[in-house]
Amino acid sequence: MVRILVVEDDDAIRKALSRGLVEHGATVIAVASAVEAIKTLQTERPEAVMLDLGLPDLDGADVLALIRTTSDVPVVIATARDDEREIVRLLDAGADDYLIKPFSAGQAMARIRAVLRRTSPSASADPRVVVGGLVVDPVSRTASVDGQELTLNRKEFDLLLALASRPGEVVSKRQLLAEVWQMPWGGADRTVDVHLSWIRRKLGETAAEPRYLHSVRGVGVKLVDPGAR
């Protein structure tokens, strides 16, 4: 059970997010200020931090800097700010990932799990992501399905890895644009659609007859294990 420190000053959001994370199997310590966050980080030793930027006593970016002086705990930024330069600055300052509000507890939990997979000691032993017959190796940047290597360009690989890293989760096109194309403002859904069609072709499937990649109309796309359905 993952111990998560949620730092969010909005009472309603903090309670709803905490409740949702608990429903997804986490243990949650929730605080409303930067001072409480720094103190709790030292006393409770959470495995991950979900950090809001708009705190009443200190900007979240400054809290991140303070955390990084004493801890390498994974930090996922929760923000309503969708300015690309701000997001890049936070990632360069030590954030491990970010989510743009509004987002669901399920999305938050999936991001935290993905970050923990990347940063856990066992991740260095075998970094591959395996979903059914699909194997994606972020170190060698190779992917195969049923033992056959896939020929993917850079963005196709990044997109496949982004989806395979959170199997079963519906990921919005805006999330994919932000993560794969560094375009958090959205506005280019067709780019995602085109790359998904290329990946489907290489996986030997179609949108009409999907195996791994399933579109959820009006929401996004998810990657699933065909043998688990």
Protein backbone atom coordinates (compact mmCIF):
# COMPACT_ATOMS: atom_id res chain seq x y z
CA MET A 1 0.00 0.00 0.00
CA VAL A 2 1.58 3.27 -1.16
CA ARG A 3 1.90 6.10 1.38
CA ILE A 4 1.14 9.41 -0.35
CA LEU A 5 1.46 12.91 1.05
CA VAL A 6 -1.18 15.16 -0.52
CA VAL A 7 -0.42 18.88 -0.23
CA GLU A 8 -3.50 20.89 -1.26
CA ASP A 9 -4.93 24.02 0.37
CA ASP A 10 -8.45 23.73 -1.10
CA ASP A 11 -10.41 21.79 1.49
CA ALA A 12 -12.92 20.24 -0.92
CA ILE A 13 -10.25 19.17 -3.44
CA ARG A 14 -7.99 17.82 -0.69
CA LYS A 15 -10.76 15.67 0.80
CA ALA A 16 -12.03 14.40 -2.56
CA LEU A 17 -8.54 13.56 -3.83
CA SER A 18 -7.59 11.86 -0.56
CA ARG A 19 -10.78 9.80 -0.58
CA GLY A 20 -10.24 8.79 -4.21
CA LEU A 21 -6.62 7.77 -3.65
CA VAL A 22 -7.64 5.67 -0.65
CA GLU A 23 -10.27 3.97 -2.83
CA HIS A 24 -7.45 3.12 -5.26
CA GLY A 25 -5.47 1.41 -2.50
CA ALA A 26 -3.25 4.19 -1.12
CA THR A 27 -2.61 5.38 2.40
CA VAL A 28 -2.96 9.18 2.42
CA ILE A 29 -1.59 11.89 4.68
CA ALA A 30 -3.20 15.20 3.67
CA VAL A 31 -2.03 18.69 4.63
CA ALA A 32 -3.01 22.20 3.57
CA SER A 33 0.19 24.25 3.81
CA ALA A 34 3.87 24.25 2.96
CA VAL A 35 4.92 24.27 6.61
CA GLU A 36 2.81 21.19 7.33
CA ALA A 37 4.15 19.51 4.20
CA ILE A 38 7.82 19.91 5.15
CA LYS A 39 7.16 18.75 8.71
CA THR A 40 5.09 15.76 7.60
CA LEU A 41 7.66 14.75 5.02
CA GLN A 42 10.22 14.33 7.80
CA THR A 43 7.96 12.58 10.31
CA GLU A 44 5.81 10.34 8.10
CA ARG A 45 8.29 9.41 5.34
CA PRO A 46 5.75 9.11 2.48
CA GLU A 47 6.67 7.16 -0.63
CA ALA A 48 5.32 9.89 -2.96
CA VAL A 49 4.12 13.49 -2.76
CA MET A 50 1.30 15.11 -4.72
CA LEU A 51 2.04 18.82 -4.50
CA ASP A 52 -0.31 21.69 -5.33
CA LEU A 53 1.43 24.89 -6.45
CA GLY A 54 -1.03 27.46 -5.05
CA LEU A 55 -0.37 27.12 -1.32
CA PRO A 56 -1.26 29.92 1.12
CA ASP A 57 2.12 30.26 2.85
CA LEU A 58 4.65 29.39 0.13
CA ASP A 59 4.55 28.77 -3.59
CA GLY A 60 4.62 25.08 -4.48
CA ALA A 61 7.73 25.60 -6.62
CA ASP A 62 9.58 26.79 -3.52
CA VAL A 63 8.26 23.81 -1.57
CA LEU A 64 9.64 21.54 -4.28
CA ALA A 65 13.05 23.20 -3.92
CA LEU A 66 12.96 22.66 -0.14
CA ILE A 67 11.97 19.01 -0.57
CA ARG A 68 14.84 18.42 -2.97
CA THR A 69 17.40 19.73 -0.46
CA THR A 70 16.66 16.82 1.89
CA SER A 71 14.78 14.11 0.00
CA ASP A 72 14.56 12.31 -3.32
CA VAL A 73 10.93 11.27 -2.70
CA PRO A 74 8.98 11.24 -5.99
CA VAL A 75 6.95 14.45 -6.42
CA VAL A 76 3.98 14.79 -8.77
CA ILE A 77 2.89 18.40 -9.28
CA ALA A 78 -0.84 19.13 -9.31
CA THR A 79 -1.48 22.45 -11.01
CA ALA A 80 -4.05 24.52 -12.85
CA ARG A 81 -1.18 26.29 -14.61
CA ASP A 82 -0.72 24.98 -18.14
CA ASP A 83 2.15 27.23 -19.21
CA GLU A 84 4.77 25.07 -20.91
CA ARG A 85 7.73 27.08 -19.61
CA GLU A 86 6.48 26.75 -16.03
CA ILE A 87 6.03 22.99 -16.40
CA VAL A 88 9.50 22.55 -17.91
CA ARG A 89 10.99 24.66 -15.11
CA LEU A 90 9.35 22.46 -12.47
CA LEU A 91 10.52 19.25 -14.12
CA ASP A 92 14.04 20.65 -14.34
CA ALA A 93 13.82 21.65 -10.65
CA GLY A 94 13.18 18.06 -9.60
CA ALA A 95 9.50 17.27 -10.12
CA ASP A 96 8.97 13.73 -11.39
CA ASP A 97 5.67 14.33 -13.19
CA TYR A 98 2.71 16.70 -13.26
CA LEU A 99 -1.05 16.70 -13.68
CA ILE A 100 -3.10 19.63 -14.92
CA LYS A 101 -6.34 20.22 -13.03
CA PRO A 102 -9.00 18.96 -13.21
CA PHE A 103 -8.00 15.31 -13.00
CA SER A 104 -9.43 12.18 -11.40
CA ALA A 105 -8.02 10.26 -8.47
CA GLY A 106 -7.55 7.32 -10.83
CA GLN A 107 -5.34 9.41 -13.11
CA ALA A 108 -3.37 10.67 -10.12
CA MET A 109 -2.86 7.14 -8.79
CA ALA A 110 -1.73 5.88 -12.18
CA ARG A 111 0.83 8.67 -12.49
CA ILE A 112 2.14 7.95 -8.99
CA ARG A 113 2.45 4.23 -9.74
CA ALA A 114 4.31 5.02 -12.97
CA VAL A 115 6.71 7.35 -11.14
CA LEU A 116 7.33 4.76 -8.44
CA ARG A 117 8.08 2.12 -11.08
CA ARG A 118 10.66 4.44 -12.63
CA THR A 119 12.29 5.43 -9.35
CA SER A 120 12.12 2.24 -7.28
CA PRO A 121 15.36 0.26 -6.77
CA SER A 122 13.85 -2.74 -8.56
CA ALA A 123 13.19 -0.59 -11.61
CA SER A 124 16.90 -0.59 -12.41
CA ALA A 125 16.96 -4.40 -12.44
CA ASP A 126 14.35 -4.76 -15.18
CA PRO A 127 12.93 -1.50 -16.51
CA ARG A 128 10.78 -3.20 -19.14
CA VAL A 129 7.03 -2.67 -19.23
CA VAL A 130 5.17 -5.89 -20.05
CA VAL A 131 1.48 -6.01 -20.96
CA GLY A 132 0.41 -9.40 -22.30
CA GLY A 133 2.61 -10.14 -25.30
CA LEU A 134 3.75 -6.53 -25.55
CA VAL A 135 7.19 -5.68 -24.14
CA VAL A 136 8.44 -2.08 -24.07
CA ASP A 137 12.00 -1.35 -22.91
CA PRO A 138 12.57 2.36 -22.11
CA VAL A 139 16.33 1.86 -21.74
CA SER A 140 17.02 0.35 -25.17
CA ARG A 141 13.95 2.12 -26.61
CA THR A 142 12.75 -1.08 -28.22
CA ALA A 143 9.34 -2.74 -28.27
CA SER A 144 8.09 -6.12 -29.37
CA VAL A 145 4.78 -7.92 -29.56
CA ASP A 146 4.57 -11.71 -29.34
CA GLY A 147 8.34 -11.84 -29.80
CA GLN A 148 8.39 -9.73 -32.97
CA GLU A 149 10.24 -6.44 -32.71
CA LEU A 150 8.28 -3.35 -33.72
CA THR A 151 9.77 -0.66 -35.93
CA LEU A 152 8.71 2.57 -34.24
CA ASN A 153 9.78 6.15 -34.75
CA ARG A 154 10.60 8.30 -31.70
CA LYS A 155 7.11 9.65 -31.06
CA GLU A 156 5.44 6.31 -31.71
CA PHE A 157 7.69 4.71 -29.10
CA ASP A 158 7.08 7.52 -26.57
CA LEU A 159 3.32 7.27 -27.10
CA LEU A 160 3.30 3.48 -26.75
CA LEU A 161 5.40 3.69 -23.57
CA ALA A 162 3.12 6.35 -22.09
CA LEU A 163 0.09 4.10 -22.56
CA ALA A 164 1.79 0.81 -21.63
CA SER A 165 3.09 2.34 -18.40
CA ARG A 166 -0.48 2.62 -17.10
CA PRO A 167 -2.34 -0.40 -18.51
CA GLY A 168 -6.11 -0.30 -18.30
CA GLU A 169 -6.22 3.45 -17.59
CA VAL A 170 -8.09 5.69 -20.00
CA VAL A 171 -5.63 8.47 -20.89
CA SER A 172 -6.95 11.66 -22.46
CA LYS A 173 -5.47 13.08 -25.63
CA ARG A 174 -4.59 16.23 -23.73
CA GLN A 175 -2.54 14.17 -21.28
CA LEU A 176 -0.77 12.45 -24.15
CA LEU A 177 -0.06 15.73 -25.91
CA ALA A 178 1.43 17.10 -22.69
CA GLU A 179 3.51 14.04 -21.91
CA VAL A 180 4.70 12.96 -25.36
CA TRP A 181 4.68 16.22 -27.32
CA GLN A 182 5.17 18.67 -24.41
CA MET A 183 2.00 20.49 -25.48
CA PRO A 184 0.00 20.89 -22.22
CA TRP A 185 -2.34 23.41 -23.84
CA GLY A 186 -3.83 20.76 -26.18
CA GLY A 187 -5.34 21.70 -29.52
CA ALA A 188 -3.79 19.01 -31.73
CA ASP A 189 -5.82 15.86 -31.09
CA ARG A 190 -5.35 14.80 -34.70
CA THR A 191 -1.64 14.36 -34.01
CA VAL A 192 -2.44 11.71 -31.39
CA ASP A 193 -4.98 10.01 -33.66
CA VAL A 194 -2.51 9.71 -36.52
CA HIS A 195 0.23 8.25 -34.34
CA LEU A 196 -2.22 5.82 -32.74
CA SER A 197 -3.27 4.59 -36.20
CA TRP A 198 0.39 4.00 -37.10
CA ILE A 199 1.00 2.06 -33.88
CA ARG A 200 -2.17 -0.01 -34.38
CA ARG A 201 -0.99 -1.00 -37.83
CA LYS A 202 2.33 -2.16 -36.42
CA LEU A 203 0.59 -4.07 -33.63
CA GLY A 204 -1.50 -5.85 -36.26
CA GLU A 205 -4.84 -4.39 -35.23
CA THR A 206 -7.32 -1.70 -36.26
CA ALA A 207 -9.56 0.76 -34.45
CA ALA A 208 -12.54 -1.35 -35.51
CA GLU A 209 -10.93 -4.56 -34.23
CA PRO A 210 -8.60 -3.53 -31.40
CA ARG A 211 -6.41 -5.84 -29.32
CA TYR A 212 -4.19 -3.60 -27.23
CA LEU A 213 -5.31 -0.05 -28.05
CA HIS A 214 -8.94 0.75 -27.25
CA SER A 215 -10.47 4.16 -27.88
CA VAL A 216 -13.03 5.43 -25.37
CA ARG A 217 -15.24 7.85 -27.26
CA GLY A 218 -15.05 11.40 -25.96
CA VAL A 219 -12.56 10.45 -23.23
CA GLY A 220 -9.29 9.06 -24.60
CA VAL A 221 -7.52 5.77 -25.20
CA LYS A 222 -6.35 2.86 -23.07
CA LEU A 223 -3.90 0.02 -23.57
CA VAL A 224 -5.00 -3.36 -22.22
CA ASP A 225 -3.78 -6.95 -22.07
CA PRO A 226 -5.85 -8.78 -24.73
CA GLY A 227 -5.68 -11.99 -22.73
CA ALA A 228 -7.10 -10.39 -19.58
CA ARG A 229 -10.44 -9.33 -21.04
